[in-house]
Amino acid sequence: MNTDKIFEYLLELAERMGIRIVKGKGDFNGGDCRVREDKVIVINKIKPIEYQSKIIVEGLANHGLSDHYLIPAVRSYIEDKLNIKI
């Protein structure tokens, strides 16, 4: 599975988990946070897609990925990026 498809799947997964993805550009790295009661992951859209995916994965991992079904290619990608076993 190519990185664009993995990125799209991660966006869908975030939506299913109730996490809003905010894309912006500027001098920041991104990450997850809370805005009032909303769970949000902020990504810098001028960074490479691999970096954006890594930021999303880190944010999703903070909200409990083990409770959600992941297709094998995405599970492998996440485990590789975070060096964890889900």
PDB file of N, CA and C in Angstrom:
ATOM      1  N   MET A   1       0.858  -1.171   0.000  1.00  0.00           N
ATOM      2  CA  MET A   1       0.000   0.000   0.000  1.00  0.00           C
ATOM      3  C   MET A   1       0.906   1.237   0.000  1.00  0.00           C
ATOM      4  N   ASN A   2       0.622   2.178  -0.886  1.00  0.00           N
ATOM      5  CA  ASN A   2       1.484   3.369  -0.974  1.00  0.00           C
ATOM      6  C   ASN A   2       1.156   4.378   0.125  1.00  0.00           C
ATOM      7  N   THR A   3       2.039   5.331   0.301  1.00  0.00           N
ATOM      8  CA  THR A   3       1.906   6.286   1.408  1.00  0.00           C
ATOM      9  C   THR A   3       0.662   7.166   1.299  1.00  0.00           C
ATOM     10  N   ASP A   4       0.241   7.485   0.077  1.00  0.00           N
ATOM     11  CA  ASP A   4      -0.975   8.299  -0.084  1.00  0.00           C
ATOM     12  C   ASP A   4      -2.203   7.554   0.429  1.00  0.00           C
ATOM     13  N   LYS A   5      -2.297   6.259   0.115  1.00  0.00           N
ATOM     14  CA  LYS A   5      -3.441   5.464   0.573  1.00  0.00           C
ATOM     15  C   LYS A   5      -3.405   5.279   2.083  1.00  0.00           C
ATOM     16  N   ILE A   6      -2.214   5.069   2.630  1.00  0.00           N
ATOM     17  CA  ILE A   6      -2.089   4.946   4.079  1.00  0.00           C
ATOM     18  C   ILE A   6      -2.520   6.251   4.746  1.00  0.00           C
ATOM     19  N   PHE A   7      -2.095   7.382   4.186  1.00  0.00           N
ATOM     20  CA  PHE A   7      -2.475   8.690   4.721  1.00  0.00           C
ATOM     21  C   PHE A   7      -3.996   8.842   4.722  1.00  0.00           C
ATOM     22  N   GLU A   8      -4.646   8.494   3.620  1.00  0.00           N
ATOM     23  CA  GLU A   8      -6.108   8.597   3.528  1.00  0.00           C
ATOM     24  C   GLU A   8      -6.780   7.691   4.557  1.00  0.00           C
ATOM     25  N   TYR A   9      -6.258   6.483   4.711  1.00  0.00           N
ATOM     26  CA  TYR A   9      -6.820   5.565   5.701  1.00  0.00           C
ATOM     27  C   TYR A   9      -6.673   6.141   7.113  1.00  0.00           C
ATOM     28  N   LEU A  10      -5.527   6.729   7.412  1.00  0.00           N
ATOM     29  CA  LEU A  10      -5.310   7.332   8.728  1.00  0.00           C
ATOM     30  C   LEU A  10      -6.287   8.475   8.987  1.00  0.00           C
ATOM     31  N   LEU A  11      -6.571   9.267   7.951  1.00  0.00           N
ATOM     32  CA  LEU A  11      -7.562  10.346   8.090  1.00  0.00           C
ATOM     33  C   LEU A  11      -8.945   9.773   8.401  1.00  0.00           C
ATOM     34  N   GLU A  12      -9.309   8.688   7.708  1.00  0.00           N
ATOM     35  CA  GLU A  12     -10.601   8.031   7.951  1.00  0.00           C
ATOM     36  C   GLU A  12     -10.655   7.441   9.357  1.00  0.00           C
ATOM     37  N   LEU A  13      -9.549   6.833   9.777  1.00  0.00           N
ATOM     38  CA  LEU A  13      -9.486   6.256  11.110  1.00  0.00           C
ATOM     39  C   LEU A  13      -9.663   7.337  12.179  1.00  0.00           C
ATOM     40  N   ALA A  14      -9.007   8.461  11.996  1.00  0.00           N
ATOM     41  CA  ALA A  14      -9.152   9.575  12.941  1.00  0.00           C
ATOM     42  C   ALA A  14     -10.609  10.014  13.024  1.00  0.00           C
ATOM     43  N   GLU A  15     -11.271  10.094  11.892  1.00  0.00           N
ATOM     44  CA  GLU A  15     -12.676  10.488  11.869  1.00  0.00           C
ATOM     45  C   GLU A  15     -13.533   9.476  12.629  1.00  0.00           C
ATOM     46  N   ARG A  16     -13.288   8.180  12.406  1.00  0.00           N
ATOM     47  CA  ARG A  16     -14.034   7.139  13.118  1.00  0.00           C
ATOM     48  C   ARG A  16     -13.789   7.206  14.626  1.00  0.00           C
ATOM     49  N   MET A  17     -12.590   7.644  15.014  1.00  0.00           N
ATOM     50  CA  MET A  17     -12.242   7.746  16.433  1.00  0.00           C
ATOM     51  C   MET A  17     -12.725   9.062  17.051  1.00  0.00           C
ATOM     52  N   GLY A  18     -13.334   9.922  16.244  1.00  0.00           N
ATOM     53  CA  GLY A  18     -13.837  11.196  16.755  1.00  0.00           C
ATOM     54  C   GLY A  18     -12.758  12.239  16.951  1.00  0.00           C
ATOM     55  N   ILE A  19     -11.680  12.108  16.180  1.00  0.00           N
ATOM     56  CA  ILE A  19     -10.564  13.045  16.284  1.00  0.00           C
ATOM     57  C   ILE A  19     -10.546  13.910  15.030  1.00  0.00           C
ATOM     58  N   ARG A  20     -10.540  15.209  15.239  1.00  0.00           N
ATOM     59  CA  ARG A  20     -10.530  16.143  14.115  1.00  0.00           C
ATOM     60  C   ARG A  20      -9.090  16.397  13.675  1.00  0.00           C
ATOM     61  N   ILE A  21      -8.868  16.381  12.368  1.00  0.00           N
ATOM     62  CA  ILE A  21      -7.554  16.689  11.798  1.00  0.00           C
ATOM     63  C   ILE A  21      -7.596  18.123  11.277  1.00  0.00           C
ATOM     64  N   VAL A  22      -6.667  18.934  11.744  1.00  0.00           N
ATOM     65  CA  VAL A  22      -6.563  20.325  11.292  1.00  0.00           C
ATOM     66  C   VAL A  22      -5.261  20.457  10.525  1.00  0.00           C
ATOM     67  N   LYS A  23      -5.377  20.931   9.279  1.00  0.00           N
ATOM     68  CA  LYS A  23      -4.194  21.122   8.438  1.00  0.00           C
ATOM     69  C   LYS A  23      -3.881  22.606   8.359  1.00  0.00           C
ATOM     70  N   GLY A  24      -2.629  22.921   8.571  1.00  0.00           N
ATOM     71  CA  GLY A  24      -2.194  24.304   8.469  1.00  0.00           C
ATOM     72  C   GLY A  24      -0.796  24.346   7.893  1.00  0.00           C
ATOM     73  N   LYS A  25      -0.305  25.526   7.663  1.00  0.00           N
ATOM     74  CA  LYS A  25       1.072  25.640   7.205  1.00  0.00           C
ATOM     75  C   LYS A  25       1.747  26.753   7.982  1.00  0.00           C
ATOM     76  N   GLY A  26       3.023  26.565   8.208  1.00  0.00           N
ATOM     77  CA  GLY A  26       3.769  27.538   8.992  1.00  0.00           C
ATOM     78  C   GLY A  26       4.990  26.891   9.597  1.00  0.00           C
ATOM     79  N   ASP A  27       5.499  27.518  10.615  1.00  0.00           N
ATOM     80  CA  ASP A  27       6.711  27.057  11.271  1.00  0.00           C
ATOM     81  C   ASP A  27       6.342  26.254  12.524  1.00  0.00           C
ATOM     82  N   PHE A  28       5.792  25.053  12.327  1.00  0.00           N
ATOM     83  CA  PHE A  28       5.439  24.177  13.439  1.00  0.00           C
ATOM     84  C   PHE A  28       5.510  22.729  12.964  1.00  0.00           C
ATOM     85  N   ASN A  29       5.629  21.827  13.924  1.00  0.00           N
ATOM     86  CA  ASN A  29       5.728  20.409  13.590  1.00  0.00           C
ATOM     87  C   ASN A  29       4.379  19.709  13.591  1.00  0.00           C
ATOM     88  N   GLY A  30       3.505  20.068  14.505  1.00  0.00           N
ATOM     89  CA  GLY A  30       2.206  19.422  14.609  1.00  0.00           C
ATOM     90  C   GLY A  30       2.170  18.460  15.775  1.00  0.00           C
ATOM     91  N   GLY A  31       0.994  17.908  16.017  1.00  0.00           N
ATOM     92  CA  GLY A  31       0.803  16.959  17.099  1.00  0.00           C
ATOM     93  C   GLY A  31      -0.637  16.960  17.550  1.00  0.00           C
ATOM     94  N   ASP A  32      -0.912  16.176  18.609  1.00  0.00           N
ATOM     95  CA  ASP A  32      -2.297  16.109  19.075  1.00  0.00           C
ATOM     96  C   ASP A  32      -2.498  17.026  20.281  1.00  0.00           C
ATOM     97  N   CYS A  33      -3.729  17.463  20.444  1.00  0.00           N
ATOM     98  CA  CYS A  33      -4.069  18.358  21.542  1.00  0.00           C
ATOM     99  C   CYS A  33      -5.579  18.318  21.756  1.00  0.00           C
ATOM    100  N   ARG A  34      -6.025  19.067  22.716  1.00  0.00           N
ATOM    101  CA  ARG A  34      -7.464  19.239  22.951  1.00  0.00           C
ATOM    102  C   ARG A  34      -7.799  20.715  22.761  1.00  0.00           C
ATOM    103  N   VAL A  35      -8.891  20.942  22.086  1.00  0.00           N
ATOM    104  CA  VAL A  35      -9.429  22.294  21.946  1.00  0.00           C
ATOM    105  C   VAL A  35     -10.811  22.238  22.583  1.00  0.00           C
ATOM    106  N   ARG A  36     -10.889  22.832  23.763  1.00  0.00           N
ATOM    107  CA  ARG A  36     -12.050  22.688  24.643  1.00  0.00           C
ATOM    108  C   ARG A  36     -12.214  21.199  24.945  1.00  0.00           C
ATOM    109  N   GLU A  37     -13.254  20.566  24.482  1.00  0.00           N
ATOM    110  CA  GLU A  37     -13.448  19.126  24.718  1.00  0.00           C
ATOM    111  C   GLU A  37     -13.134  18.286  23.477  1.00  0.00           C
ATOM    112  N   ASP A  38     -12.777  18.927  22.378  1.00  0.00           N
ATOM    113  CA  ASP A  38     -12.522  18.215  21.126  1.00  0.00           C
ATOM    114  C   ASP A  38     -11.104  17.676  21.064  1.00  0.00           C
ATOM    115  N   LYS A  39     -10.975  16.445  20.568  1.00  0.00           N
ATOM    116  CA  LYS A  39      -9.663  15.864  20.309  1.00  0.00           C
ATOM    117  C   LYS A  39      -9.232  16.319  18.909  1.00  0.00           C
ATOM    118  N   VAL A  40      -8.018  16.849  18.817  1.00  0.00           N
ATOM    119  CA  VAL A  40      -7.542  17.421  17.555  1.00  0.00           C
ATOM    120  C   VAL A  40      -6.109  16.973  17.307  1.00  0.00           C
ATOM    121  N   ILE A  41      -5.815  16.678  16.043  1.00  0.00           N
ATOM    122  CA  ILE A  41      -4.439  16.464  15.613  1.00  0.00           C
ATOM    123  C   ILE A  41      -4.142  17.529  14.570  1.00  0.00           C
ATOM    124  N   VAL A  42      -3.108  18.313  14.827  1.00  0.00           N
ATOM    125  CA  VAL A  42      -2.717  19.383  13.911  1.00  0.00           C
ATOM    126  C   VAL A  42      -1.534  18.896  13.094  1.00  0.00           C
ATOM    127  N   ILE A  43      -1.658  19.018  11.769  1.00  0.00           N
ATOM    128  CA  ILE A  43      -0.553  18.632  10.890  1.00  0.00           C
ATOM    129  C   ILE A  43      -0.164  19.808  10.007  1.00  0.00           C
ATOM    130  N   ASN A  44       1.109  19.867   9.703  1.00  0.00           N
ATOM    131  CA  ASN A  44       1.642  20.917   8.840  1.00  0.00           C
ATOM    132  C   ASN A  44       1.613  20.402   7.408  1.00  0.00           C
ATOM    133  N   LYS A  45       0.766  21.000   6.583  1.00  0.00           N
ATOM    134  CA  LYS A  45       0.577  20.473   5.232  1.00  0.00           C
ATOM    135  C   LYS A  45       1.730  20.774   4.282  1.00  0.00           C
ATOM    136  N   ILE A  46       2.720  21.545   4.722  1.00  0.00           N
ATOM    137  CA  ILE A  46       3.875  21.749   3.849  1.00  0.00           C
ATOM    138  C   ILE A  46       4.982  20.725   4.121  1.00  0.00           C
ATOM    139  N   LYS A  47       4.806  19.922   5.165  1.00  0.00           N
ATOM    140  CA  LYS A  47       5.751  18.836   5.450  1.00  0.00           C
ATOM    141  C   LYS A  47       5.449  17.660   4.511  1.00  0.00           C
ATOM    142  N   PRO A  48       6.419  16.780   4.287  1.00  0.00           N
ATOM    143  CA  PRO A  48       6.180  15.600   3.438  1.00  0.00           C
ATOM    144  C   PRO A  48       5.055  14.724   4.004  1.00  0.00           C
ATOM    145  N   ILE A  49       4.373  14.014   3.133  1.00  0.00           N
ATOM    146  CA  ILE A  49       3.234  13.194   3.551  1.00  0.00           C
ATOM    147  C   ILE A  49       3.643  12.119   4.553  1.00  0.00           C
ATOM    148  N   GLU A  50       4.859  11.616   4.444  1.00  0.00           N
ATOM    149  CA  GLU A  50       5.337  10.616   5.404  1.00  0.00           C
ATOM    150  C   GLU A  50       5.406  11.222   6.808  1.00  0.00           C
ATOM    151  N   TYR A  51       5.847  12.463   6.898  1.00  0.00           N
ATOM    152  CA  TYR A  51       5.929  13.150   8.188  1.00  0.00           C
ATOM    153  C   TYR A  51       4.519  13.419   8.730  1.00  0.00           C
ATOM    154  N   GLN A  52       3.616  13.864   7.864  1.00  0.00           N
ATOM    155  CA  GLN A  52       2.237  14.112   8.278  1.00  0.00           C
ATOM    156  C   GLN A  52       1.607  12.828   8.809  1.00  0.00           C
ATOM    157  N   SER A  53       1.859  11.719   8.117  1.00  0.00           N
ATOM    158  CA  SER A  53       1.323  10.428   8.549  1.00  0.00           C
ATOM    159  C   SER A  53       1.867  10.047   9.915  1.00  0.00           C
ATOM    160  N   LYS A  54       3.142  10.278  10.127  1.00  0.00           N
ATOM    161  CA  LYS A  54       3.761   9.947  11.412  1.00  0.00           C
ATOM    162  C   LYS A  54       3.122  10.759  12.540  1.00  0.00           C
ATOM    163  N   ILE A  55       2.862  12.025  12.307  1.00  0.00           N
ATOM    164  CA  ILE A  55       2.213  12.874  13.312  1.00  0.00           C
ATOM    165  C   ILE A  55       0.815  12.349  13.620  1.00  0.00           C
ATOM    166  N   ILE A  56       0.078  11.947  12.590  1.00  0.00           N
ATOM    167  CA  ILE A  56      -1.264  11.406  12.802  1.00  0.00           C
ATOM    168  C   ILE A  56      -1.184  10.110  13.594  1.00  0.00           C
ATOM    169  N   VAL A  57      -0.258   9.230  13.230  1.00  0.00           N
ATOM    170  CA  VAL A  57      -0.098   7.953  13.927  1.00  0.00           C
ATOM    171  C   VAL A  57       0.211   8.179  15.405  1.00  0.00           C
ATOM    172  N   GLU A  58       1.117   9.093  15.697  1.00  0.00           N
ATOM    173  CA  GLU A  58       1.461   9.381  17.092  1.00  0.00           C
ATOM    174  C   GLU A  58       0.243   9.896  17.851  1.00  0.00           C
ATOM    175  N   GLY A  59      -0.531  10.758  17.211  1.00  0.00           N
ATOM    176  CA  GLY A  59      -1.734  11.279  17.852  1.00  0.00           C
ATOM    177  C   GLY A  59      -2.785  10.206  18.076  1.00  0.00           C
ATOM    178  N   LEU A  60      -2.983   9.351  17.081  1.00  0.00           N
ATOM    179  CA  LEU A  60      -3.956   8.272  17.222  1.00  0.00           C
ATOM    180  C   LEU A  60      -3.538   7.293  18.310  1.00  0.00           C
ATOM    181  N   ALA A  61      -2.252   7.020  18.396  1.00  0.00           N
ATOM    182  CA  ALA A  61      -1.743   6.092  19.411  1.00  0.00           C
ATOM    183  C   ALA A  61      -2.024   6.608  20.822  1.00  0.00           C
ATOM    184  N   ASN A  62      -2.040   7.918  20.991  1.00  0.00           N
ATOM    185  CA  ASN A  62      -2.344   8.504  22.298  1.00  0.00           C
ATOM    186  C   ASN A  62      -3.803   8.316  22.703  1.00  0.00           C
ATOM    187  N   HIS A  63      -4.638   7.914  21.741  1.00  0.00           N
ATOM    188  CA  HIS A  63      -6.072   7.758  22.010  1.00  0.00           C
ATOM    189  C   HIS A  63      -6.537   6.310  21.914  1.00  0.00           C
ATOM    190  N   GLY A  64      -5.617   5.361  21.948  1.00  0.00           N
ATOM    191  CA  GLY A  64      -6.001   3.950  22.039  1.00  0.00           C
ATOM    192  C   GLY A  64      -6.292   3.255  20.729  1.00  0.00           C
ATOM    193  N   LEU A  65      -5.287   2.971  19.978  1.00  0.00           N
ATOM    194  CA  LEU A  65      -5.461   2.278  18.697  1.00  0.00           C
ATOM    195  C   LEU A  65      -5.870   0.820  18.851  1.00  0.00           C
ATOM    196  N   SER A  66      -5.554   0.194  19.962  1.00  0.00           N
ATOM    197  CA  SER A  66      -5.821  -1.240  20.107  1.00  0.00           C
ATOM    198  C   SER A  66      -7.314  -1.561  20.096  1.00  0.00           C
ATOM    199  N   ASP A  67      -8.149  -0.570  20.295  1.00  0.00           N
ATOM    200  CA  ASP A  67      -9.598  -0.782  20.295  1.00  0.00           C
ATOM    201  C   ASP A  67     -10.210  -0.715  18.897  1.00  0.00           C
ATOM    202  N   HIS A  68      -9.402  -0.467  17.879  1.00  0.00           N
ATOM    203  CA  HIS A  68      -9.922  -0.257  16.532  1.00  0.00           C
ATOM    204  C   HIS A  68      -9.301  -1.232  15.546  1.00  0.00           C
ATOM    205  N   TYR A  69     -10.137  -1.669  14.574  1.00  0.00           N
ATOM    206  CA  TYR A  69      -9.630  -2.561  13.542  1.00  0.00           C
ATOM    207  C   TYR A  69      -8.719  -1.771  12.606  1.00  0.00           C
ATOM    208  N   LEU A  70      -7.574  -2.333  12.298  1.00  0.00           N
ATOM    209  CA  LEU A  70      -6.636  -1.738  11.348  1.00  0.00           C
ATOM    210  C   LEU A  70      -6.326  -2.771  10.271  1.00  0.00           C
ATOM    211  N   ILE A  71      -6.394  -2.356   9.022  1.00  0.00           N
ATOM    212  CA  ILE A  71      -6.021  -3.294   7.974  1.00  0.00           C
ATOM    213  C   ILE A  71      -4.533  -3.623   8.137  1.00  0.00           C
ATOM    214  N   PRO A  72      -4.127  -4.827   7.752  1.00  0.00           N
ATOM    215  CA  PRO A  72      -2.755  -5.276   8.013  1.00  0.00           C
ATOM    216  C   PRO A  72      -1.658  -4.322   7.536  1.00  0.00           C
ATOM    217  N   ALA A  73      -1.809  -3.720   6.362  1.00  0.00           N
ATOM    218  CA  ALA A  73      -0.775  -2.817   5.845  1.00  0.00           C
ATOM    219  C   ALA A  73      -0.617  -1.592   6.738  1.00  0.00           C
ATOM    220  N   VAL A  74      -1.721  -1.086   7.240  1.00  0.00           N
ATOM    221  CA  VAL A  74      -1.673   0.095   8.110  1.00  0.00           C
ATOM    222  C   VAL A  74      -1.148  -0.290   9.490  1.00  0.00           C
ATOM    223  N   ARG A  75      -1.568  -1.445   9.991  1.00  0.00           N
ATOM    224  CA  ARG A  75      -1.047  -1.921  11.279  1.00  0.00           C
ATOM    225  C   ARG A  75       0.474  -2.054  11.216  1.00  0.00           C
ATOM    226  N   SER A  76       0.969  -2.626  10.142  1.00  0.00           N
ATOM    227  CA  SER A  76       2.411  -2.795   9.951  1.00  0.00           C
ATOM    228  C   SER A  76       3.110  -1.437   9.869  1.00  0.00           C
ATOM    229  N   TYR A  77       2.520  -0.508   9.142  1.00  0.00           N
ATOM    230  CA  TYR A  77       3.076   0.842   9.014  1.00  0.00           C
ATOM    231  C   TYR A  77       3.169   1.514  10.384  1.00  0.00           C
ATOM    232  N   ILE A  78       2.095   1.417  11.178  1.00  0.00           N
ATOM    233  CA  ILE A  78       2.063   2.044  12.493  1.00  0.00           C
ATOM    234  C   ILE A  78       3.097   1.405  13.413  1.00  0.00           C
ATOM    235  N   GLU A  79       3.144   0.093  13.418  1.00  0.00           N
ATOM    236  CA  GLU A  79       4.117  -0.592  14.275  1.00  0.00           C
ATOM    237  C   GLU A  79       5.544  -0.227  13.891  1.00  0.00           C
ATOM    238  N   ASP A  80       5.787  -0.061  12.600  1.00  0.00           N
ATOM    239  CA  ASP A  80       7.121   0.313  12.135  1.00  0.00           C
ATOM    240  C   ASP A  80       7.467   1.744  12.543  1.00  0.00           C
ATOM    241  N   LYS A  81       6.523   2.680  12.392  1.00  0.00           N
ATOM    242  CA  LYS A  81       6.779   4.087  12.701  1.00  0.00           C
ATOM    243  C   LYS A  81       6.970   4.337  14.194  1.00  0.00           C
ATOM    244  N   LEU A  82       6.237   3.601  15.015  1.00  0.00           N
ATOM    245  CA  LEU A  82       6.281   3.834  16.461  1.00  0.00           C
ATOM    246  C   LEU A  82       7.107   2.789  17.207  1.00  0.00           C
ATOM    247  N   ASN A  83       7.561   1.780  16.499  1.00  0.00           N
ATOM    248  CA  ASN A  83       8.299   0.681  17.133  1.00  0.00           C
ATOM    249  C   ASN A  83       7.521   0.069  18.292  1.00  0.00           C
ATOM    250  N   ILE A  84       6.209  -0.141  18.049  1.00  0.00           N
ATOM    251  CA  ILE A  84       5.366  -0.778  19.064  1.00  0.00           C
ATOM    252  C   ILE A  84       4.588  -1.913  18.420  1.00  0.00           C
ATOM    253  N   LYS A  85       4.071  -2.791  19.232  1.00  0.00           N
ATOM    254  CA  LYS A  85       3.222  -3.876  18.763  1.00  0.00           C
ATOM    255  C   LYS A  85       1.803  -3.546  19.190  1.00  0.00           C
ATOM    256  N   ILE A  86       0.879  -3.499  18.226  1.00  0.00           N
ATOM    257  CA  ILE A  86      -0.523  -3.180  18.540  1.00  0.00           C
ATOM    258  C   ILE A  86      -1.304  -4.475  18.652  1.00  0.00           C
TER     259      ILE A  86
END
